Amino acid sequence: MYLTGKKLIDKFTKLLYNVNMKASKLDRRHTGYGDFKYSITFRGIETGKFCEIRNWCWEQWGPSAEIDNREKLVNPNLSWAWISDEYRMRIYIATDKEYQWYLLKWT
């Protein structure tokens, strides 16, 4: 069976969309290891998508902060955080539960 029409366009759009963001499991080399289990990295051209997903995380799991500023907070959100600077745009997710929720919504 071949994909045609809208199904083909939807599949192609998802493939293009996923090229610009990459989810990965953190290890000791990564910022946030120990507090977070996963990160989603965005290419520079995907600033709009990064903001959209960051806002979705804010709505789902509550307010958070940039990963570099978390230690300054009295009660930091343990579910997620982000980093956005001139070199990288990344969202950090703490557990498998949040990661599966992200996958269901955005992939």
PDB file of N, CA and C in Angstrom:
ATOM      1  N   MET A   1       0.844  -1.173   0.000  1.00  0.00           N
ATOM      2  CA  MET A   1       0.000   0.000   0.000  1.00  0.00           C
ATOM      3  C   MET A   1       0.895   1.245   0.000  1.00  0.00           C
ATOM      4  N   TYR A   2       0.595   2.178  -0.856  1.00  0.00           N
ATOM      5  CA  TYR A   2       1.357   3.413  -0.970  1.00  0.00           C
ATOM      6  C   TYR A   2       0.598   4.563  -0.313  1.00  0.00           C
ATOM      7  N   LEU A   3       1.346   5.490   0.250  1.00  0.00           N
ATOM      8  CA  LEU A   3       0.734   6.688   0.824  1.00  0.00           C
ATOM      9  C   LEU A   3       0.430   7.658  -0.308  1.00  0.00           C
ATOM     10  N   THR A   4      -0.726   8.245  -0.264  1.00  0.00           N
ATOM     11  CA  THR A   4      -1.097   9.228  -1.283  1.00  0.00           C
ATOM     12  C   THR A   4      -1.775  10.412  -0.619  1.00  0.00           C
ATOM     13  N   GLY A   5      -1.838  11.486  -1.339  1.00  0.00           N
ATOM     14  CA  GLY A   5      -2.570  12.665  -0.902  1.00  0.00           C
ATOM     15  C   GLY A   5      -2.134  13.207   0.448  1.00  0.00           C
ATOM     16  N   LYS A   6      -3.116  13.450   1.303  1.00  0.00           N
ATOM     17  CA  LYS A   6      -2.866  14.067   2.610  1.00  0.00           C
ATOM     18  C   LYS A   6      -1.964  13.211   3.493  1.00  0.00           C
ATOM     19  N   LYS A   7      -2.122  11.889   3.461  1.00  0.00           N
ATOM     20  CA  LYS A   7      -1.289  11.007   4.284  1.00  0.00           C
ATOM     21  C   LYS A   7       0.183  11.134   3.901  1.00  0.00           C
ATOM     22  N   LEU A   8       0.453  11.222   2.613  1.00  0.00           N
ATOM     23  CA  LEU A   8       1.825  11.372   2.148  1.00  0.00           C
ATOM     24  C   LEU A   8       2.401  12.714   2.589  1.00  0.00           C
ATOM     25  N   ILE A   9       1.621  13.766   2.456  1.00  0.00           N
ATOM     26  CA  ILE A   9       2.070  15.101   2.863  1.00  0.00           C
ATOM     27  C   ILE A   9       2.321  15.137   4.364  1.00  0.00           C
ATOM     28  N   ASP A  10       1.419  14.541   5.164  1.00  0.00           N
ATOM     29  CA  ASP A  10       1.599  14.509   6.614  1.00  0.00           C
ATOM     30  C   ASP A  10       2.876  13.765   7.005  1.00  0.00           C
ATOM     31  N   LYS A  11       3.124  12.628   6.376  1.00  0.00           N
ATOM     32  CA  LYS A  11       4.322  11.839   6.679  1.00  0.00           C
ATOM     33  C   LYS A  11       5.585  12.614   6.304  1.00  0.00           C
ATOM     34  N   PHE A  12       5.586  13.236   5.133  1.00  0.00           N
ATOM     35  CA  PHE A  12       6.736  13.999   4.674  1.00  0.00           C
ATOM     36  C   PHE A  12       6.995  15.197   5.591  1.00  0.00           C
ATOM     37  N   THR A  13       5.930  15.867   6.006  1.00  0.00           N
ATOM     38  CA  THR A  13       6.061  17.007   6.915  1.00  0.00           C
ATOM     39  C   THR A  13       6.680  16.576   8.239  1.00  0.00           C
ATOM     40  N   LYS A  14       6.236  15.434   8.776  1.00  0.00           N
ATOM     41  CA  LYS A  14       6.813  14.931  10.020  1.00  0.00           C
ATOM     42  C   LYS A  14       8.296  14.622   9.854  1.00  0.00           C
ATOM     43  N   LEU A  15       8.668  14.034   8.738  1.00  0.00           N
ATOM     44  CA  LEU A  15      10.086  13.731   8.501  1.00  0.00           C
ATOM     45  C   LEU A  15      10.912  15.005   8.449  1.00  0.00           C
ATOM     46  N   LEU A  16      10.435  16.007   7.727  1.00  0.00           N
ATOM     47  CA  LEU A  16      11.161  17.276   7.655  1.00  0.00           C
ATOM     48  C   LEU A  16      11.237  17.943   9.009  1.00  0.00           C
ATOM     49  N   TYR A  17      10.149  17.908   9.742  1.00  0.00           N
ATOM     50  CA  TYR A  17      10.082  18.541  11.057  1.00  0.00           C
ATOM     51  C   TYR A  17      11.090  17.905  12.015  1.00  0.00           C
ATOM     52  N   ASN A  18      11.162  16.578  12.021  1.00  0.00           N
ATOM     53  CA  ASN A  18      12.030  15.881  12.962  1.00  0.00           C
ATOM     54  C   ASN A  18      13.505  16.019  12.633  1.00  0.00           C
ATOM     55  N   VAL A  19      13.842  16.417  11.413  1.00  0.00           N
ATOM     56  CA  VAL A  19      15.239  16.631  11.055  1.00  0.00           C
ATOM     57  C   VAL A  19      15.806  17.809  11.837  1.00  0.00           C
ATOM     58  N   ASN A  20      14.980  18.790  12.164  1.00  0.00           N
ATOM     59  CA  ASN A  20      15.436  20.014  12.798  1.00  0.00           C
ATOM     60  C   ASN A  20      15.456  19.967  14.322  1.00  0.00           C
ATOM     61  N   MET A  21      15.049  18.855  14.910  1.00  0.00           N
ATOM     62  CA  MET A  21      15.180  18.686  16.347  1.00  0.00           C
ATOM     63  C   MET A  21      15.550  17.242  16.632  1.00  0.00           C
ATOM     64  N   LYS A  22      16.387  17.072  17.631  1.00  0.00           N
ATOM     65  CA  LYS A  22      16.910  15.746  17.928  1.00  0.00           C
ATOM     66  C   LYS A  22      16.819  15.485  19.422  1.00  0.00           C
ATOM     67  N   ALA A  23      16.164  14.392  19.779  1.00  0.00           N
ATOM     68  CA  ALA A  23      16.074  13.986  21.170  1.00  0.00           C
ATOM     69  C   ALA A  23      17.190  12.991  21.463  1.00  0.00           C
ATOM     70  N   SER A  24      17.796  13.117  22.622  1.00  0.00           N
ATOM     71  CA  SER A  24      18.854  12.179  22.987  1.00  0.00           C
ATOM     72  C   SER A  24      18.870  11.972  24.491  1.00  0.00           C
ATOM     73  N   LYS A  25      19.384  10.813  24.882  1.00  0.00           N
ATOM     74  CA  LYS A  25      19.532  10.495  26.296  1.00  0.00           C
ATOM     75  C   LYS A  25      20.848  11.097  26.781  1.00  0.00           C
ATOM     76  N   LEU A  26      20.813  11.705  27.947  1.00  0.00           N
ATOM     77  CA  LEU A  26      22.004  12.355  28.486  1.00  0.00           C
ATOM     78  C   LEU A  26      22.949  11.340  29.127  1.00  0.00           C
ATOM     79  N   ASP A  27      24.234  11.633  29.051  1.00  0.00           N
ATOM     80  CA  ASP A  27      25.229  10.881  29.802  1.00  0.00           C
ATOM     81  C   ASP A  27      26.149  11.876  30.501  1.00  0.00           C
ATOM     82  N   ARG A  28      27.179  11.418  31.129  1.00  0.00           N
ATOM     83  CA  ARG A  28      28.040  12.276  31.958  1.00  0.00           C
ATOM     84  C   ARG A  28      28.677  13.439  31.203  1.00  0.00           C
ATOM     85  N   ARG A  29      28.751  13.352  29.893  1.00  0.00           N
ATOM     86  CA  ARG A  29      29.361  14.429  29.109  1.00  0.00           C
ATOM     87  C   ARG A  29      28.464  15.647  28.974  1.00  0.00           C
ATOM     88  N   HIS A  30      27.177  15.495  29.238  1.00  0.00           N
ATOM     89  CA  HIS A  30      26.197  16.540  28.948  1.00  0.00           C
ATOM     90  C   HIS A  30      25.864  17.396  30.165  1.00  0.00           C
ATOM     91  N   THR A  31      25.594  18.668  29.885  1.00  0.00           N
ATOM     92  CA  THR A  31      25.049  19.562  30.900  1.00  0.00           C
ATOM     93  C   THR A  31      23.700  19.009  31.348  1.00  0.00           C
ATOM     94  N   GLY A  32      23.448  19.015  32.621  1.00  0.00           N
ATOM     95  CA  GLY A  32      22.163  18.558  33.142  1.00  0.00           C
ATOM     96  C   GLY A  32      22.134  17.103  33.546  1.00  0.00           C
ATOM     97  N   TYR A  33      23.203  16.345  33.245  1.00  0.00           N
ATOM     98  CA  TYR A  33      23.227  14.938  33.636  1.00  0.00           C
ATOM     99  C   TYR A  33      23.134  14.848  35.159  1.00  0.00           C
ATOM    100  N   GLY A  34      22.320  13.941  35.639  1.00  0.00           N
ATOM    101  CA  GLY A  34      22.082  13.810  37.076  1.00  0.00           C
ATOM    102  C   GLY A  34      20.743  14.391  37.477  1.00  0.00           C
ATOM    103  N   ASP A  35      20.378  15.526  36.865  1.00  0.00           N
ATOM    104  CA  ASP A  35      19.065  16.128  37.114  1.00  0.00           C
ATOM    105  C   ASP A  35      18.064  15.751  36.035  1.00  0.00           C
ATOM    106  N   PHE A  36      18.559  15.537  34.822  1.00  0.00           N
ATOM    107  CA  PHE A  36      17.697  15.258  33.676  1.00  0.00           C
ATOM    108  C   PHE A  36      18.167  14.015  32.951  1.00  0.00           C
ATOM    109  N   LYS A  37      17.229  13.350  32.292  1.00  0.00           N
ATOM    110  CA  LYS A  37      17.539  12.115  31.585  1.00  0.00           C
ATOM    111  C   LYS A  37      17.607  12.310  30.078  1.00  0.00           C
ATOM    112  N   TYR A  38      16.865  13.294  29.543  1.00  0.00           N
ATOM    113  CA  TYR A  38      16.784  13.508  28.096  1.00  0.00           C
ATOM    114  C   TYR A  38      16.974  14.977  27.749  1.00  0.00           C
ATOM    115  N   SER A  39      17.390  15.212  26.513  1.00  0.00           N
ATOM    116  CA  SER A  39      17.418  16.577  25.990  1.00  0.00           C
ATOM    117  C   SER A  39      16.891  16.564  24.564  1.00  0.00           C
ATOM    118  N   ILE A  40      16.256  17.652  24.183  1.00  0.00           N
ATOM    119  CA  ILE A  40      15.813  17.866  22.813  1.00  0.00           C
ATOM    120  C   ILE A  40      16.583  19.065  22.305  1.00  0.00           C
ATOM    121  N   THR A  41      17.382  18.850  21.272  1.00  0.00           N
ATOM    122  CA  THR A  41      18.222  19.893  20.705  1.00  0.00           C
ATOM    123  C   THR A  41      17.588  20.399  19.419  1.00  0.00           C
ATOM    124  N   PHE A  42      17.561  21.711  19.253  1.00  0.00           N
ATOM    125  CA  PHE A  42      16.962  22.353  18.088  1.00  0.00           C
ATOM    126  C   PHE A  42      18.041  23.030  17.261  1.00  0.00           C
ATOM    127  N   ARG A  43      17.899  22.962  15.961  1.00  0.00           N
ATOM    128  CA  ARG A  43      18.796  23.711  15.087  1.00  0.00           C
ATOM    129  C   ARG A  43      18.413  25.186  15.151  1.00  0.00           C
ATOM    130  N   GLY A  44      19.365  26.056  14.839  1.00  0.00           N
ATOM    131  CA  GLY A  44      19.158  27.494  14.942  1.00  0.00           C
ATOM    132  C   GLY A  44      17.980  28.036  14.166  1.00  0.00           C
ATOM    133  N   ILE A  45      17.636  27.366  13.068  1.00  0.00           N
ATOM    134  CA  ILE A  45      16.526  27.852  12.250  1.00  0.00           C
ATOM    135  C   ILE A  45      15.171  27.525  12.865  1.00  0.00           C
ATOM    136  N   GLU A  46      15.164  26.757  13.937  1.00  0.00           N
ATOM    137  CA  GLU A  46      13.919  26.318  14.548  1.00  0.00           C
ATOM    138  C   GLU A  46      13.568  27.082  15.820  1.00  0.00           C
ATOM    139  N   THR A  47      13.892  28.367  15.880  1.00  0.00           N
ATOM    140  CA  THR A  47      13.605  29.163  17.067  1.00  0.00           C
ATOM    141  C   THR A  47      12.114  29.172  17.388  1.00  0.00           C
ATOM    142  N   GLY A  48      11.283  29.290  16.389  1.00  0.00           N
ATOM    143  CA  GLY A  48       9.834  29.299  16.605  1.00  0.00           C
ATOM    144  C   GLY A  48       9.332  28.001  17.197  1.00  0.00           C
ATOM    145  N   LYS A  49       9.823  26.875  16.693  1.00  0.00           N
ATOM    146  CA  LYS A  49       9.409  25.564  17.203  1.00  0.00           C
ATOM    147  C   LYS A  49       9.927  25.364  18.629  1.00  0.00           C
ATOM    148  N   PHE A  50      11.148  25.819  18.903  1.00  0.00           N
ATOM    149  CA  PHE A  50      11.699  25.747  20.257  1.00  0.00           C
ATOM    150  C   PHE A  50      10.787  26.498  21.231  1.00  0.00           C
ATOM    151  N   CYS A  51      10.393  27.708  20.878  1.00  0.00           N
ATOM    152  CA  CYS A  51       9.523  28.513  21.751  1.00  0.00           C
ATOM    153  C   CYS A  51       8.159  27.851  21.926  1.00  0.00           C
ATOM    154  N   GLU A  52       7.632  27.272  20.860  1.00  0.00           N
ATOM    155  CA  GLU A  52       6.334  26.597  20.935  1.00  0.00           C
ATOM    156  C   GLU A  52       6.392  25.402  21.899  1.00  0.00           C
ATOM    157  N   ILE A  53       7.436  24.595  21.794  1.00  0.00           N
ATOM    158  CA  ILE A  53       7.559  23.429  22.665  1.00  0.00           C
ATOM    159  C   ILE A  53       7.888  23.851  24.095  1.00  0.00           C
ATOM    160  N   ARG A  54       8.707  24.886  24.262  1.00  0.00           N
ATOM    161  CA  ARG A  54       9.005  25.389  25.611  1.00  0.00           C
ATOM    162  C   ARG A  54       7.720  25.892  26.284  1.00  0.00           C
ATOM    163  N   ASN A  55       6.872  26.584  25.548  1.00  0.00           N
ATOM    164  CA  ASN A  55       5.601  27.049  26.097  1.00  0.00           C
ATOM    165  C   ASN A  55       4.693  25.877  26.456  1.00  0.00           C
ATOM    166  N   TRP A  56       4.701  24.836  25.617  1.00  0.00           N
ATOM    167  CA  TRP A  56       3.910  23.640  25.906  1.00  0.00           C
ATOM    168  C   TRP A  56       4.406  22.985  27.199  1.00  0.00           C
ATOM    169  N   CYS A  57       5.721  22.877  27.367  1.00  0.00           N
ATOM    170  CA  CYS A  57       6.290  22.312  28.606  1.00  0.00           C
ATOM    171  C   CYS A  57       5.858  23.130  29.820  1.00  0.00           C
ATOM    172  N   TRP A  58       5.876  24.450  29.662  1.00  0.00           N
ATOM    173  CA  TRP A  58       5.468  25.355  30.745  1.00  0.00           C
ATOM    174  C   TRP A  58       4.022  25.072  31.152  1.00  0.00           C
ATOM    175  N   GLU A  59       3.147  24.880  30.154  1.00  0.00           N
ATOM    176  CA  GLU A  59       1.734  24.592  30.432  1.00  0.00           C
ATOM    177  C   GLU A  59       1.543  23.214  31.056  1.00  0.00           C
ATOM    178  N   GLN A  60       2.311  22.228  30.616  1.00  0.00           N
ATOM    179  CA  GLN A  60       2.137  20.854  31.090  1.00  0.00           C
ATOM    180  C   GLN A  60       2.725  20.629  32.472  1.00  0.00           C
ATOM    181  N   TRP A  61       3.936  21.111  32.721  1.00  0.00           N
ATOM    182  CA  TRP A  61       4.670  20.775  33.941  1.00  0.00           C
ATOM    183  C   TRP A  61       4.942  21.968  34.845  1.00  0.00           C
ATOM    184  N   GLY A  62       4.459  23.121  34.471  1.00  0.00           N
ATOM    185  CA  GLY A  62       4.624  24.302  35.304  1.00  0.00           C
ATOM    186  C   GLY A  62       5.854  25.118  34.959  1.00  0.00           C
ATOM    187  N   PRO A  63       5.978  26.292  35.563  1.00  0.00           N
ATOM    188  CA  PRO A  63       7.093  27.189  35.272  1.00  0.00           C
ATOM    189  C   PRO A  63       8.441  26.548  35.607  1.00  0.00           C
ATOM    190  N   SER A  64       9.431  26.871  34.809  1.00  0.00           N
ATOM    191  CA  SER A  64      10.790  26.411  35.044  1.00  0.00           C
ATOM    192  C   SER A  64      11.745  27.555  34.733  1.00  0.00           C
ATOM    193  N   ALA A  65      13.007  27.251  34.580  1.00  0.00           N
ATOM    194  CA  ALA A  65      14.006  28.291  34.319  1.00  0.00           C
ATOM    195  C   ALA A  65      15.101  27.728  33.425  1.00  0.00           C
ATOM    196  N   GLU A  66      15.947  28.627  32.952  1.00  0.00           N
ATOM    197  CA  GLU A  66      17.108  28.163  32.205  1.00  0.00           C
ATOM    198  C   GLU A  66      17.969  27.317  33.126  1.00  0.00           C
ATOM    199  N   ILE A  67      18.579  26.316  32.580  1.00  0.00           N
ATOM    200  CA  ILE A  67      19.322  25.347  33.392  1.00  0.00           C
ATOM    201  C   ILE A  67      20.439  26.003  34.203  1.00  0.00           C
ATOM    202  N   ASP A  68      21.047  27.048  33.671  1.00  0.00           N
ATOM    203  CA  ASP A  68      22.137  27.731  34.381  1.00  0.00           C
ATOM    204  C   ASP A  68      21.653  28.533  35.582  1.00  0.00           C
ATOM    205  N   ASN A  69      20.361  28.861  35.623  1.00  0.00           N
ATOM    206  CA  ASN A  69      19.815  29.672  36.713  1.00  0.00           C
ATOM    207  C   ASN A  69      19.033  28.867  37.741  1.00  0.00           C
ATOM    208  N   ARG A  70      18.945  27.574  37.570  1.00  0.00           N
ATOM    209  CA  ARG A  70      18.132  26.741  38.467  1.00  0.00           C
ATOM    210  C   ARG A  70      18.615  26.766  39.912  1.00  0.00           C
ATOM    211  N   GLU A  71      19.923  26.786  40.109  1.00  0.00           N
ATOM    212  CA  GLU A  71      20.430  26.746  41.491  1.00  0.00           C
ATOM    213  C   GLU A  71      20.113  28.014  42.265  1.00  0.00           C
ATOM    214  N   LYS A  72      19.746  29.093  41.560  1.00  0.00           N
ATOM    215  CA  LYS A  72      19.386  30.348  42.222  1.00  0.00           C
ATOM    216  C   LYS A  72      17.944  30.345  42.720  1.00  0.00           C
ATOM    217  N   LEU A  73      17.143  29.382  42.269  1.00  0.00           N
ATOM    218  CA  LEU A  73      15.733  29.317  42.651  1.00  0.00           C
ATOM    219  C   LEU A  73      15.553  28.568  43.965  1.00  0.00           C
ATOM    220  N   VAL A  74      14.574  28.985  44.736  1.00  0.00           N
ATOM    221  CA  VAL A  74      14.280  28.326  46.007  1.00  0.00           C
ATOM    222  C   VAL A  74      13.682  26.947  45.757  1.00  0.00           C
ATOM    223  N   ASN A  75      12.693  26.863  44.885  1.00  0.00           N
ATOM    224  CA  ASN A  75      12.032  25.598  44.547  1.00  0.00           C
ATOM    225  C   ASN A  75      12.057  25.393  43.035  1.00  0.00           C
ATOM    226  N   PRO A  76      13.156  24.926  42.476  1.00  0.00           N
ATOM    227  CA  PRO A  76      13.196  24.747  41.017  1.00  0.00           C
ATOM    228  C   PRO A  76      12.279  23.615  40.565  1.00  0.00           C
ATOM    229  N   ASN A  77      11.755  23.746  39.364  1.00  0.00           N
ATOM    230  CA  ASN A  77      10.930  22.699  38.775  1.00  0.00           C
ATOM    231  C   ASN A  77      11.841  21.533  38.400  1.00  0.00           C
ATOM    232  N   LEU A  78      11.559  20.361  38.925  1.00  0.00           N
ATOM    233  CA  LEU A  78      12.412  19.201  38.691  1.00  0.00           C
ATOM    234  C   LEU A  78      12.052  18.444  37.417  1.00  0.00           C
ATOM    235  N   SER A  79      10.958  18.804  36.748  1.00  0.00           N
ATOM    236  CA  SER A  79      10.503  18.072  35.570  1.00  0.00           C
ATOM    237  C   SER A  79      11.210  18.478  34.289  1.00  0.00           C
ATOM    238  N   TRP A  80      11.556  19.770  34.176  1.00  0.00           N
ATOM    239  CA  TRP A  80      12.133  20.231  32.917  1.00  0.00           C
ATOM    240  C   TRP A  80      12.861  21.555  33.100  1.00  0.00           C
ATOM    241  N   ALA A  81      13.686  21.868  32.126  1.00  0.00           N
ATOM    242  CA  ALA A  81      14.395  23.150  32.064  1.00  0.00           C
ATOM    243  C   ALA A  81      14.815  23.362  30.615  1.00  0.00           C
ATOM    244  N   TRP A  82      15.431  24.486  30.338  1.00  0.00           N
ATOM    245  CA  TRP A  82      15.890  24.757  28.975  1.00  0.00           C
ATOM    246  C   TRP A  82      17.168  25.563  29.002  1.00  0.00           C
ATOM    247  N   ILE A  83      17.776  25.647  27.844  1.00  0.00           N
ATOM    248  CA  ILE A  83      18.890  26.568  27.632  1.00  0.00           C
ATOM    249  C   ILE A  83      18.718  27.161  26.248  1.00  0.00           C
ATOM    250  N   SER A  84      18.938  28.447  26.159  1.00  0.00           N
ATOM    251  CA  SER A  84      18.828  29.140  24.880  1.00  0.00           C
ATOM    252  C   SER A  84      19.853  30.267  24.871  1.00  0.00           C
ATOM    253  N   ASP A  85      20.886  30.097  24.094  1.00  0.00           N
ATOM    254  CA  ASP A  85      21.898  31.137  23.946  1.00  0.00           C
ATOM    255  C   ASP A  85      22.342  31.180  22.490  1.00  0.00           C
ATOM    256  N   GLU A  86      23.414  31.894  22.209  1.00  0.00           N
ATOM    257  CA  GLU A  86      23.827  32.042  20.814  1.00  0.00           C
ATOM    258  C   GLU A  86      24.360  30.749  20.207  1.00  0.00           C
ATOM    259  N   TYR A  87      24.643  29.736  21.029  1.00  0.00           N
ATOM    260  CA  TYR A  87      25.220  28.496  20.532  1.00  0.00           C
ATOM    261  C   TYR A  87      24.262  27.313  20.503  1.00  0.00           C
ATOM    262  N   ARG A  88      23.256  27.321  21.346  1.00  0.00           N
ATOM    263  CA  ARG A  88      22.399  26.139  21.450  1.00  0.00           C
ATOM    264  C   ARG A  88      21.001  26.494  21.945  1.00  0.00           C
ATOM    265  N   MET A  89      20.065  25.671  21.538  1.00  0.00           N
ATOM    266  CA  MET A  89      18.691  25.720  22.035  1.00  0.00           C
ATOM    267  C   MET A  89      18.347  24.289  22.417  1.00  0.00           C
ATOM    268  N   ARG A  90      18.060  24.086  23.692  1.00  0.00           N
ATOM    269  CA  ARG A  90      17.849  22.728  24.167  1.00  0.00           C
ATOM    270  C   ARG A  90      16.835  22.739  25.299  1.00  0.00           C
ATOM    271  N   ILE A  91      15.966  21.723  25.300  1.00  0.00           N
ATOM    272  CA  ILE A  91      15.019  21.506  26.389  1.00  0.00           C
ATOM    273  C   ILE A  91      15.431  20.216  27.087  1.00  0.00           C
ATOM    274  N   TYR A  92      15.501  20.255  28.407  1.00  0.00           N
ATOM    275  CA  TYR A  92      15.878  19.100  29.211  1.00  0.00           C
ATOM    276  C   TYR A  92      14.641  18.522  29.881  1.00  0.00           C
ATOM    277  N   ILE A  93      14.500  17.208  29.843  1.00  0.00           N
ATOM    278  CA  ILE A  93      13.349  16.518  30.422  1.00  0.00           C
ATOM    279  C   ILE A  93      13.863  15.501  31.439  1.00  0.00           C
ATOM    280  N   ALA A  94      13.215  15.440  32.605  1.00  0.00           N
ATOM    281  CA  ALA A  94      13.760  14.690  33.735  1.00  0.00           C
ATOM    282  C   ALA A  94      13.511  13.185  33.699  1.00  0.00           C
ATOM    283  N   THR A  95      12.322  12.746  33.328  1.00  0.00           N
ATOM    284  CA  THR A  95      12.005  11.322  33.488  1.00  0.00           C
ATOM    285  C   THR A  95      11.425  10.727  32.210  1.00  0.00           C
ATOM    286  N   ASP A  96      11.307   9.414  32.227  1.00  0.00           N
ATOM    287  CA  ASP A  96      10.705   8.705  31.092  1.00  0.00           C
ATOM    288  C   ASP A  96       9.259   9.136  30.883  1.00  0.00           C
ATOM    289  N   LYS A  97       8.553   9.398  31.974  1.00  0.00           N
ATOM    290  CA  LYS A  97       7.141   9.798  31.886  1.00  0.00           C
ATOM    291  C   LYS A  97       6.991  11.087  31.074  1.00  0.00           C
ATOM    292  N   GLU A  98       7.765  12.111  31.408  1.00  0.00           N
ATOM    293  CA  GLU A  98       7.695  13.371  30.670  1.00  0.00           C
ATOM    294  C   GLU A  98       8.167  13.192  29.228  1.00  0.00           C
ATOM    295  N   TYR A  99       9.196  12.376  29.044  1.00  0.00           N
ATOM    296  CA  TYR A  99       9.712  12.134  27.690  1.00  0.00           C
ATOM    297  C   TYR A  99       8.664  11.464  26.805  1.00  0.00           C
ATOM    298  N   GLN A 100       7.947  10.483  27.341  1.00  0.00           N
ATOM    299  CA  GLN A 100       6.890   9.822  26.567  1.00  0.00           C
ATOM    300  C   GLN A 100       5.774  10.801  26.239  1.00  0.00           C
ATOM    301  N   TRP A 101       5.460  11.681  27.155  1.00  0.00           N
ATOM    302  CA  TRP A 101       4.441  12.698  26.931  1.00  0.00           C
ATOM    303  C   TRP A 101       4.880  13.610  25.781  1.00  0.00           C
ATOM    304  N   TYR A 102       6.133  14.025  25.823  1.00  0.00           N
ATOM    305  CA  TYR A 102       6.691  14.842  24.732  1.00  0.00           C
ATOM    306  C   TYR A 102       6.594  14.110  23.396  1.00  0.00           C
ATOM    307  N   LEU A 103       6.996  12.829  23.369  1.00  0.00           N
ATOM    308  CA  LEU A 103       6.958  12.050  22.120  1.00  0.00           C
ATOM    309  C   LEU A 103       5.552  11.940  21.567  1.00  0.00           C
ATOM    310  N   LEU A 104       4.577  11.718  22.441  1.00  0.00           N
ATOM    311  CA  LEU A 104       3.190  11.604  21.984  1.00  0.00           C
ATOM    312  C   LEU A 104       2.690  12.886  21.324  1.00  0.00           C
ATOM    313  N   LYS A 105       3.110  14.003  21.866  1.00  0.00           N
ATOM    314  CA  LYS A 105       2.640  15.295  21.352  1.00  0.00           C
ATOM    315  C   LYS A 105       3.408  15.746  20.104  1.00  0.00           C
ATOM    316  N   TRP A 106       4.725  15.584  20.080  1.00  0.00           N
ATOM    317  CA  TRP A 106       5.544  16.277  19.089  1.00  0.00           C
ATOM    318  C   TRP A 106       6.196  15.392  18.031  1.00  0.00           C
ATOM    319  N   THR A 107       5.990  14.082  18.079  1.00  0.00           N
ATOM    320  CA  THR A 107       6.569  13.247  17.012  1.00  0.00           C
ATOM    321  C   THR A 107       5.519  12.427  16.330  1.00  0.00           C
TER     322      THR A 107
END
